[in-house]
Amino acid sequence: MSEVDPLESRIGDIIGAGWAFPGALTPSGEVALATGGDDVAQAIGLVLGTAPGERPMRPEFGCGIHRLVFDPLDAATVARADLEVRRALERWEPRIELDELLFSTDSADEGVLYIDVRYRLRTTNEPRNLVFPFYTLPREG
């Protein structure tokens, strides 16, 4: 039986809980929930992973980086990605204070832009980070 971290429990009380993503059931058949900082991290992933227009009932939800999927991974694309990620997180994730965005690529993973989101939970000032891989289509030739 695992112990519950008291700090994470208090953070969950403050920040709240949401359905775990991807959706899952607990061994007892209940909907699995993400709480506290885990809920926020999953929400950030959902914001960044959703293209505007993808959700019919909320077409404005998401992040505009998906418009960059066919662009070359150069300084201009990174600058646009920075702008789109900042806009999306400022609009859709009010529980965080965005500290820094770092972008990197890896020659072994051609066409992947790694977005390191460094943020603090507003309610606790706890620093956290999440690395989101954004997959582009590398140019042929």
N, C-alpha and C. Protein backbone atom coordinates (compact mmCIF):
# COMPACT_ATOMS: atom_id res chain seq x y z
N MET A 1 0.85 -1.18 0.00
CA MET A 1 0.00 0.00 0.00
C MET A 1 0.89 1.24 0.00
N SER A 2 0.67 2.15 -0.90
CA SER A 2 1.51 3.34 -0.99
C SER A 2 1.00 4.43 -0.06
N GLU A 3 1.96 5.19 0.47
CA GLU A 3 1.60 6.29 1.35
C GLU A 3 1.28 7.52 0.52
N VAL A 4 0.37 8.32 1.02
CA VAL A 4 0.00 9.56 0.36
C VAL A 4 0.91 10.66 0.89
N ASP A 5 1.55 11.38 -0.01
CA ASP A 5 2.39 12.51 0.37
C ASP A 5 1.49 13.61 0.92
N PRO A 6 1.69 14.03 2.20
CA PRO A 6 0.80 15.03 2.78
C PRO A 6 0.82 16.36 2.02
N LEU A 7 1.99 16.76 1.50
CA LEU A 7 2.07 18.01 0.75
C LEU A 7 1.26 17.90 -0.53
N GLU A 8 1.42 16.80 -1.25
CA GLU A 8 0.66 16.61 -2.49
C GLU A 8 -0.83 16.55 -2.20
N SER A 9 -1.20 15.98 -1.07
CA SER A 9 -2.61 15.93 -0.68
C SER A 9 -3.16 17.33 -0.46
N ARG A 10 -2.39 18.19 0.23
CA ARG A 10 -2.84 19.57 0.46
C ARG A 10 -2.89 20.35 -0.85
N ILE A 11 -1.92 20.14 -1.72
CA ILE A 11 -1.92 20.82 -3.01
C ILE A 11 -3.16 20.40 -3.80
N GLY A 12 -3.50 19.10 -3.75
CA GLY A 12 -4.70 18.62 -4.42
C GLY A 12 -5.95 19.28 -3.88
N ASP A 13 -5.99 19.50 -2.56
CA ASP A 13 -7.14 20.18 -1.97
C ASP A 13 -7.25 21.60 -2.48
N ILE A 14 -6.11 22.26 -2.69
CA ILE A 14 -6.11 23.66 -3.12
C ILE A 14 -6.40 23.77 -4.62
N ILE A 15 -5.72 22.96 -5.42
CA ILE A 15 -5.79 23.08 -6.87
C ILE A 15 -6.99 22.33 -7.44
N GLY A 16 -7.33 21.22 -6.82
CA GLY A 16 -8.46 20.45 -7.30
C GLY A 16 -8.03 19.17 -7.98
N ALA A 17 -8.98 18.53 -8.61
CA ALA A 17 -8.74 17.26 -9.27
C ALA A 17 -9.51 17.23 -10.58
N GLY A 18 -9.04 16.41 -11.48
CA GLY A 18 -9.73 16.23 -12.75
C GLY A 18 -9.52 14.81 -13.23
N TRP A 19 -10.25 14.43 -14.24
CA TRP A 19 -10.08 13.09 -14.79
C TRP A 19 -8.65 12.92 -15.25
N ALA A 20 -8.08 11.78 -14.95
CA ALA A 20 -6.72 11.48 -15.41
C ALA A 20 -6.75 11.34 -16.93
N PHE A 21 -5.66 11.72 -17.54
CA PHE A 21 -5.55 11.60 -18.99
C PHE A 21 -4.32 10.78 -19.32
N PRO A 22 -4.42 9.77 -20.13
CA PRO A 22 -5.65 9.32 -20.77
C PRO A 22 -6.61 8.71 -19.74
N GLY A 23 -7.87 8.68 -20.10
CA GLY A 23 -8.89 8.17 -19.20
C GLY A 23 -8.59 6.74 -18.76
N ALA A 24 -8.87 6.47 -17.51
CA ALA A 24 -8.60 5.14 -16.96
C ALA A 24 -9.56 4.89 -15.80
N LEU A 25 -9.64 3.63 -15.42
CA LEU A 25 -10.43 3.26 -14.26
C LEU A 25 -9.50 2.74 -13.17
N THR A 26 -9.89 2.97 -11.93
CA THR A 26 -9.14 2.43 -10.80
C THR A 26 -9.48 0.94 -10.68
N PRO A 27 -8.72 0.19 -9.88
CA PRO A 27 -9.04 -1.23 -9.69
C PRO A 27 -10.47 -1.46 -9.17
N SER A 28 -11.02 -0.46 -8.46
CA SER A 28 -12.38 -0.60 -7.95
C SER A 28 -13.44 -0.17 -8.96
N GLY A 29 -13.02 0.23 -10.17
CA GLY A 29 -13.96 0.58 -11.22
C GLY A 29 -14.37 2.03 -11.27
N GLU A 30 -13.74 2.87 -10.45
CA GLU A 30 -14.05 4.30 -10.46
C GLU A 30 -13.17 5.01 -11.50
N VAL A 31 -13.60 6.18 -11.91
CA VAL A 31 -12.81 6.98 -12.85
C VAL A 31 -11.54 7.44 -12.13
N ALA A 32 -10.39 7.21 -12.76
CA ALA A 32 -9.11 7.64 -12.17
C ALA A 32 -9.02 9.16 -12.25
N LEU A 33 -8.56 9.76 -11.17
CA LEU A 33 -8.42 11.21 -11.10
C LEU A 33 -6.96 11.60 -10.98
N ALA A 34 -6.63 12.75 -11.52
CA ALA A 34 -5.32 13.37 -11.31
C ALA A 34 -5.57 14.53 -10.36
N THR A 35 -4.70 14.68 -9.37
CA THR A 35 -4.90 15.74 -8.39
C THR A 35 -3.67 16.64 -8.32
N GLY A 36 -3.88 17.83 -7.79
CA GLY A 36 -2.78 18.75 -7.51
C GLY A 36 -1.93 19.05 -8.72
N GLY A 37 -0.62 18.99 -8.51
CA GLY A 37 0.33 19.31 -9.57
C GLY A 37 0.23 18.37 -10.76
N ASP A 38 -0.14 17.11 -10.53
CA ASP A 38 -0.30 16.18 -11.64
C ASP A 38 -1.46 16.59 -12.54
N ASP A 39 -2.54 17.08 -11.93
CA ASP A 39 -3.68 17.56 -12.70
C ASP A 39 -3.27 18.74 -13.58
N VAL A 40 -2.49 19.65 -13.02
CA VAL A 40 -2.04 20.82 -13.77
C VAL A 40 -1.13 20.39 -14.92
N ALA A 41 -0.19 19.49 -14.66
CA ALA A 41 0.72 19.02 -15.72
C ALA A 41 -0.06 18.36 -16.85
N GLN A 42 -1.06 17.55 -16.51
CA GLN A 42 -1.86 16.92 -17.55
C GLN A 42 -2.66 17.96 -18.34
N ALA A 43 -3.14 18.99 -17.64
CA ALA A 43 -3.89 20.05 -18.32
C ALA A 43 -2.99 20.81 -19.29
N ILE A 44 -1.75 21.06 -18.90
CA ILE A 44 -0.80 21.73 -19.81
C ILE A 44 -0.60 20.88 -21.06
N GLY A 45 -0.41 19.59 -20.87
CA GLY A 45 -0.27 18.69 -22.01
C GLY A 45 -1.48 18.70 -22.93
N LEU A 46 -2.67 18.77 -22.34
CA LEU A 46 -3.90 18.84 -23.15
C LEU A 46 -3.98 20.14 -23.94
N VAL A 47 -3.63 21.25 -23.30
CA VAL A 47 -3.66 22.54 -23.99
C VAL A 47 -2.69 22.52 -25.17
N LEU A 48 -1.45 22.09 -24.93
CA LEU A 48 -0.44 22.10 -25.99
C LEU A 48 -0.72 21.06 -27.07
N GLY A 49 -1.35 19.97 -26.70
CA GLY A 49 -1.61 18.89 -27.65
C GLY A 49 -2.88 19.05 -28.46
N THR A 50 -3.66 20.07 -28.17
CA THR A 50 -4.93 20.29 -28.87
C THR A 50 -4.80 21.45 -29.84
N ALA A 51 -5.16 21.21 -31.07
CA ALA A 51 -5.16 22.28 -32.08
C ALA A 51 -6.47 23.05 -32.00
N PRO A 52 -6.41 24.38 -32.11
CA PRO A 52 -7.66 25.15 -32.15
C PRO A 52 -8.57 24.61 -33.26
N GLY A 53 -9.86 24.47 -32.94
CA GLY A 53 -10.81 23.92 -33.88
C GLY A 53 -11.03 22.43 -33.72
N GLU A 54 -10.18 21.77 -32.95
CA GLU A 54 -10.27 20.33 -32.77
C GLU A 54 -11.46 19.93 -31.90
N ARG A 55 -11.85 20.78 -30.98
CA ARG A 55 -12.98 20.49 -30.10
C ARG A 55 -14.21 21.26 -30.59
N PRO A 56 -15.20 20.55 -31.12
CA PRO A 56 -16.35 21.23 -31.72
C PRO A 56 -17.10 22.16 -30.76
N MET A 57 -17.20 21.81 -29.50
CA MET A 57 -17.96 22.62 -28.56
C MET A 57 -17.14 23.77 -27.97
N ARG A 58 -15.86 23.77 -28.20
CA ARG A 58 -14.98 24.85 -27.75
C ARG A 58 -13.88 25.02 -28.79
N PRO A 59 -14.21 25.53 -29.96
CA PRO A 59 -13.26 25.57 -31.07
C PRO A 59 -12.05 26.45 -30.84
N GLU A 60 -12.12 27.40 -29.93
CA GLU A 60 -10.98 28.29 -29.68
C GLU A 60 -9.95 27.66 -28.74
N PHE A 61 -10.30 26.54 -28.09
CA PHE A 61 -9.40 25.89 -27.14
C PHE A 61 -8.21 25.27 -27.85
N GLY A 62 -7.03 25.40 -27.25
CA GLY A 62 -5.85 24.72 -27.76
C GLY A 62 -4.69 25.67 -27.97
N CYS A 63 -3.70 25.18 -28.71
CA CYS A 63 -2.47 25.92 -28.93
C CYS A 63 -2.17 25.98 -30.43
N GLY A 64 -1.82 27.16 -30.91
CA GLY A 64 -1.58 27.37 -32.33
C GLY A 64 -0.30 26.79 -32.88
N ILE A 65 0.48 26.05 -32.08
CA ILE A 65 1.72 25.48 -32.61
C ILE A 65 1.46 24.47 -33.73
N HIS A 66 0.26 23.93 -33.76
CA HIS A 66 -0.03 22.91 -34.76
C HIS A 66 -0.03 23.47 -36.18
N ARG A 67 -0.15 24.78 -36.30
CA ARG A 67 -0.04 25.41 -37.62
C ARG A 67 1.41 25.37 -38.13
N LEU A 68 2.35 25.04 -37.26
CA LEU A 68 3.77 25.04 -37.61
C LEU A 68 4.29 23.66 -38.01
N VAL A 69 3.43 22.69 -38.09
CA VAL A 69 3.86 21.31 -38.29
C VAL A 69 4.63 21.11 -39.60
N PHE A 70 4.38 21.94 -40.61
CA PHE A 70 5.08 21.80 -41.89
C PHE A 70 6.23 22.79 -42.05
N ASP A 71 6.46 23.63 -41.05
CA ASP A 71 7.52 24.64 -41.13
C ASP A 71 8.88 24.04 -40.78
N PRO A 72 9.95 24.57 -41.33
CA PRO A 72 11.30 24.08 -40.98
C PRO A 72 11.60 24.44 -39.52
N LEU A 73 12.38 23.62 -38.86
CA LEU A 73 12.76 23.90 -37.47
C LEU A 73 13.91 24.89 -37.45
N ASP A 74 13.59 26.15 -37.67
CA ASP A 74 14.59 27.21 -37.65
C ASP A 74 14.22 28.24 -36.58
N ALA A 75 15.01 29.30 -36.49
CA ALA A 75 14.80 30.32 -35.45
C ALA A 75 13.43 30.98 -35.56
N ALA A 76 12.96 31.20 -36.78
CA ALA A 76 11.65 31.84 -36.97
C ALA A 76 10.52 30.94 -36.46
N THR A 77 10.62 29.65 -36.73
CA THR A 77 9.60 28.71 -36.26
C THR A 77 9.62 28.61 -34.74
N VAL A 78 10.80 28.58 -34.16
CA VAL A 78 10.91 28.53 -32.69
C VAL A 78 10.31 29.79 -32.07
N ALA A 79 10.55 30.95 -32.68
CA ALA A 79 9.98 32.20 -32.16
C ALA A 79 8.46 32.17 -32.23
N ARG A 80 7.91 31.65 -33.32
CA ARG A 80 6.45 31.54 -33.43
C ARG A 80 5.90 30.53 -32.44
N ALA A 81 6.62 29.42 -32.25
CA ALA A 81 6.19 28.41 -31.28
C ALA A 81 6.17 29.00 -29.87
N ASP A 82 7.19 29.79 -29.55
CA ASP A 82 7.26 30.44 -28.24
C ASP A 82 6.02 31.32 -28.03
N LEU A 83 5.69 32.11 -29.02
CA LEU A 83 4.53 33.00 -28.93
C LEU A 83 3.23 32.21 -28.76
N GLU A 84 3.06 31.17 -29.55
CA GLU A 84 1.83 30.37 -29.50
C GLU A 84 1.68 29.65 -28.16
N VAL A 85 2.77 29.08 -27.65
CA VAL A 85 2.71 28.37 -26.37
C VAL A 85 2.40 29.35 -25.24
N ARG A 86 3.06 30.49 -25.23
CA ARG A 86 2.78 31.51 -24.19
C ARG A 86 1.31 31.94 -24.22
N ARG A 87 0.82 32.25 -25.41
CA ARG A 87 -0.59 32.68 -25.53
C ARG A 87 -1.54 31.61 -25.00
N ALA A 88 -1.31 30.38 -25.40
CA ALA A 88 -2.21 29.30 -25.01
C ALA A 88 -2.19 29.06 -23.50
N LEU A 89 -1.00 29.02 -22.92
CA LEU A 89 -0.93 28.75 -21.48
C LEU A 89 -1.46 29.91 -20.66
N GLU A 90 -1.21 31.12 -21.10
CA GLU A 90 -1.75 32.28 -20.37
C GLU A 90 -3.27 32.29 -20.44
N ARG A 91 -3.82 31.85 -21.54
CA ARG A 91 -5.28 31.86 -21.68
C ARG A 91 -5.95 30.67 -20.99
N TRP A 92 -5.38 29.48 -21.15
CA TRP A 92 -6.09 28.27 -20.75
C TRP A 92 -5.63 27.63 -19.45
N GLU A 93 -4.53 28.06 -18.88
CA GLU A 93 -4.09 27.45 -17.62
C GLU A 93 -3.80 28.52 -16.58
N PRO A 94 -4.84 29.03 -15.93
CA PRO A 94 -4.67 30.11 -14.95
C PRO A 94 -4.02 29.67 -13.64
N ARG A 95 -3.84 28.37 -13.44
CA ARG A 95 -3.26 27.90 -12.18
C ARG A 95 -1.74 27.99 -12.16
N ILE A 96 -1.13 28.44 -13.28
CA ILE A 96 0.33 28.51 -13.32
C ILE A 96 0.82 29.92 -13.60
N GLU A 97 2.05 30.15 -13.17
CA GLU A 97 2.81 31.34 -13.56
C GLU A 97 3.94 30.81 -14.44
N LEU A 98 3.93 31.19 -15.70
CA LEU A 98 4.94 30.71 -16.64
C LEU A 98 6.26 31.41 -16.37
N ASP A 99 7.30 30.64 -16.05
CA ASP A 99 8.62 31.21 -15.76
C ASP A 99 9.49 31.29 -17.01
N GLU A 100 9.50 30.19 -17.78
CA GLU A 100 10.43 30.14 -18.90
C GLU A 100 10.00 29.04 -19.87
N LEU A 101 10.26 29.29 -21.13
CA LEU A 101 10.10 28.28 -22.17
C LEU A 101 11.45 28.06 -22.82
N LEU A 102 11.88 26.82 -22.88
CA LEU A 102 13.14 26.48 -23.54
C LEU A 102 12.83 25.53 -24.69
N PHE A 103 13.46 25.76 -25.82
CA PHE A 103 13.22 24.94 -27.00
C PHE A 103 14.52 24.26 -27.41
N SER A 104 14.42 22.99 -27.77
CA SER A 104 15.62 22.27 -28.21
C SER A 104 15.22 21.22 -29.24
N THR A 105 16.22 20.80 -29.99
CA THR A 105 16.05 19.71 -30.95
C THR A 105 17.14 18.69 -30.68
N ASP A 106 16.99 17.53 -31.27
CA ASP A 106 17.97 16.46 -31.12
C ASP A 106 18.17 15.86 -32.50
N SER A 107 19.42 15.80 -32.95
CA SER A 107 19.68 15.29 -34.30
C SER A 107 19.21 13.84 -34.46
N ALA A 108 19.12 13.10 -33.36
CA ALA A 108 18.64 11.72 -33.44
C ALA A 108 17.12 11.67 -33.65
N ASP A 109 16.43 12.73 -33.30
CA ASP A 109 14.97 12.81 -33.46
C ASP A 109 14.62 13.93 -34.42
N GLU A 110 14.92 13.72 -35.69
CA GLU A 110 14.66 14.77 -36.68
C GLU A 110 13.17 15.10 -36.72
N GLY A 111 12.87 16.38 -36.71
CA GLY A 111 11.48 16.80 -36.79
C GLY A 111 10.78 16.94 -35.45
N VAL A 112 11.52 16.82 -34.35
CA VAL A 112 10.92 16.97 -33.02
C VAL A 112 11.47 18.23 -32.37
N LEU A 113 10.57 19.08 -31.95
CA LEU A 113 10.93 20.28 -31.19
C LEU A 113 10.51 20.03 -29.75
N TYR A 114 11.48 19.98 -28.85
CA TYR A 114 11.19 19.75 -27.44
C TYR A 114 10.92 21.09 -26.77
N ILE A 115 9.77 21.21 -26.13
CA ILE A 115 9.37 22.44 -25.46
C ILE A 115 9.40 22.17 -23.96
N ASP A 116 10.37 22.79 -23.29
CA ASP A 116 10.51 22.65 -21.84
C ASP A 116 9.75 23.81 -21.19
N VAL A 117 8.61 23.49 -20.60
CA VAL A 117 7.76 24.49 -19.95
C VAL A 117 8.13 24.53 -18.47
N ARG A 118 8.67 25.65 -18.04
CA ARG A 118 9.03 25.82 -16.63
C ARG A 118 8.04 26.80 -16.02
N TYR A 119 7.39 26.35 -14.96
CA TYR A 119 6.30 27.13 -14.39
C TYR A 119 6.23 26.94 -12.88
N ARG A 120 5.43 27.76 -12.25
CA ARG A 120 5.16 27.64 -10.81
C ARG A 120 3.65 27.54 -10.62
N LEU A 121 3.26 26.71 -9.68
CA LEU A 121 1.85 26.66 -9.30
C LEU A 121 1.54 27.93 -8.54
N ARG A 122 0.53 28.65 -8.96
CA ARG A 122 0.20 29.95 -8.33
C ARG A 122 -0.15 29.81 -6.85
N THR A 123 -0.84 28.75 -6.49
CA THR A 123 -1.31 28.62 -5.12
C THR A 123 -0.21 28.28 -4.13
N THR A 124 0.84 27.62 -4.59
CA THR A 124 1.89 27.17 -3.67
C THR A 124 3.27 27.72 -4.01
N ASN A 125 3.41 28.33 -5.17
CA ASN A 125 4.69 28.84 -5.68
C ASN A 125 5.70 27.72 -5.92
N GLU A 126 5.21 26.51 -6.05
CA GLU A 126 6.07 25.34 -6.27
C GLU A 126 6.56 25.32 -7.72
N PRO A 127 7.90 25.28 -7.93
CA PRO A 127 8.41 25.23 -9.30
C PRO A 127 8.25 23.83 -9.89
N ARG A 128 7.88 23.79 -11.15
CA ARG A 128 7.71 22.53 -11.86
C ARG A 128 8.15 22.72 -13.31
N ASN A 129 8.31 21.61 -14.01
CA ASN A 129 8.55 21.69 -15.44
C ASN A 129 7.94 20.50 -16.14
N LEU A 130 7.71 20.67 -17.42
CA LEU A 130 7.14 19.63 -18.25
C LEU A 130 7.77 19.76 -19.62
N VAL A 131 8.24 18.66 -20.18
CA VAL A 131 8.81 18.70 -21.53
C VAL A 131 7.78 18.10 -22.48
N PHE A 132 7.38 18.92 -23.44
CA PHE A 132 6.36 18.54 -24.42
C PHE A 132 7.04 18.35 -25.77
N PRO A 133 6.99 17.14 -26.34
CA PRO A 133 7.58 16.95 -27.68
C PRO A 133 6.58 17.36 -28.75
N PHE A 134 6.97 18.32 -29.59
CA PHE A 134 6.12 18.75 -30.70
C PHE A 134 6.70 18.16 -31.97
N TYR A 135 5.91 17.32 -32.62
CA TYR A 135 6.37 16.60 -33.80
C TYR A 135 6.01 17.37 -35.07
N THR A 136 7.02 17.63 -35.87
CA THR A 136 6.81 18.28 -37.16
C THR A 136 7.09 17.25 -38.26
N LEU A 137 6.77 17.62 -39.48
CA LEU A 137 7.08 16.76 -40.61
C LEU A 137 8.32 17.31 -41.28
N PRO A 138 9.46 16.62 -41.11
CA PRO A 138 10.69 17.12 -41.71
C PRO A 138 10.58 17.14 -43.23
N ARG A 139 11.24 18.11 -43.79
CA ARG A 139 11.22 18.25 -45.26
C ARG A 139 12.03 17.13 -45.89
N GLU A 140 11.52 16.65 -46.99
CA GLU A 140 12.23 15.60 -47.73
C GLU A 140 13.26 16.24 -48.64
N GLY A 141 14.29 15.48 -48.90
CA GLY A 141 15.20 15.97 -49.90
C GLY A 141 16.51 16.24 -49.41
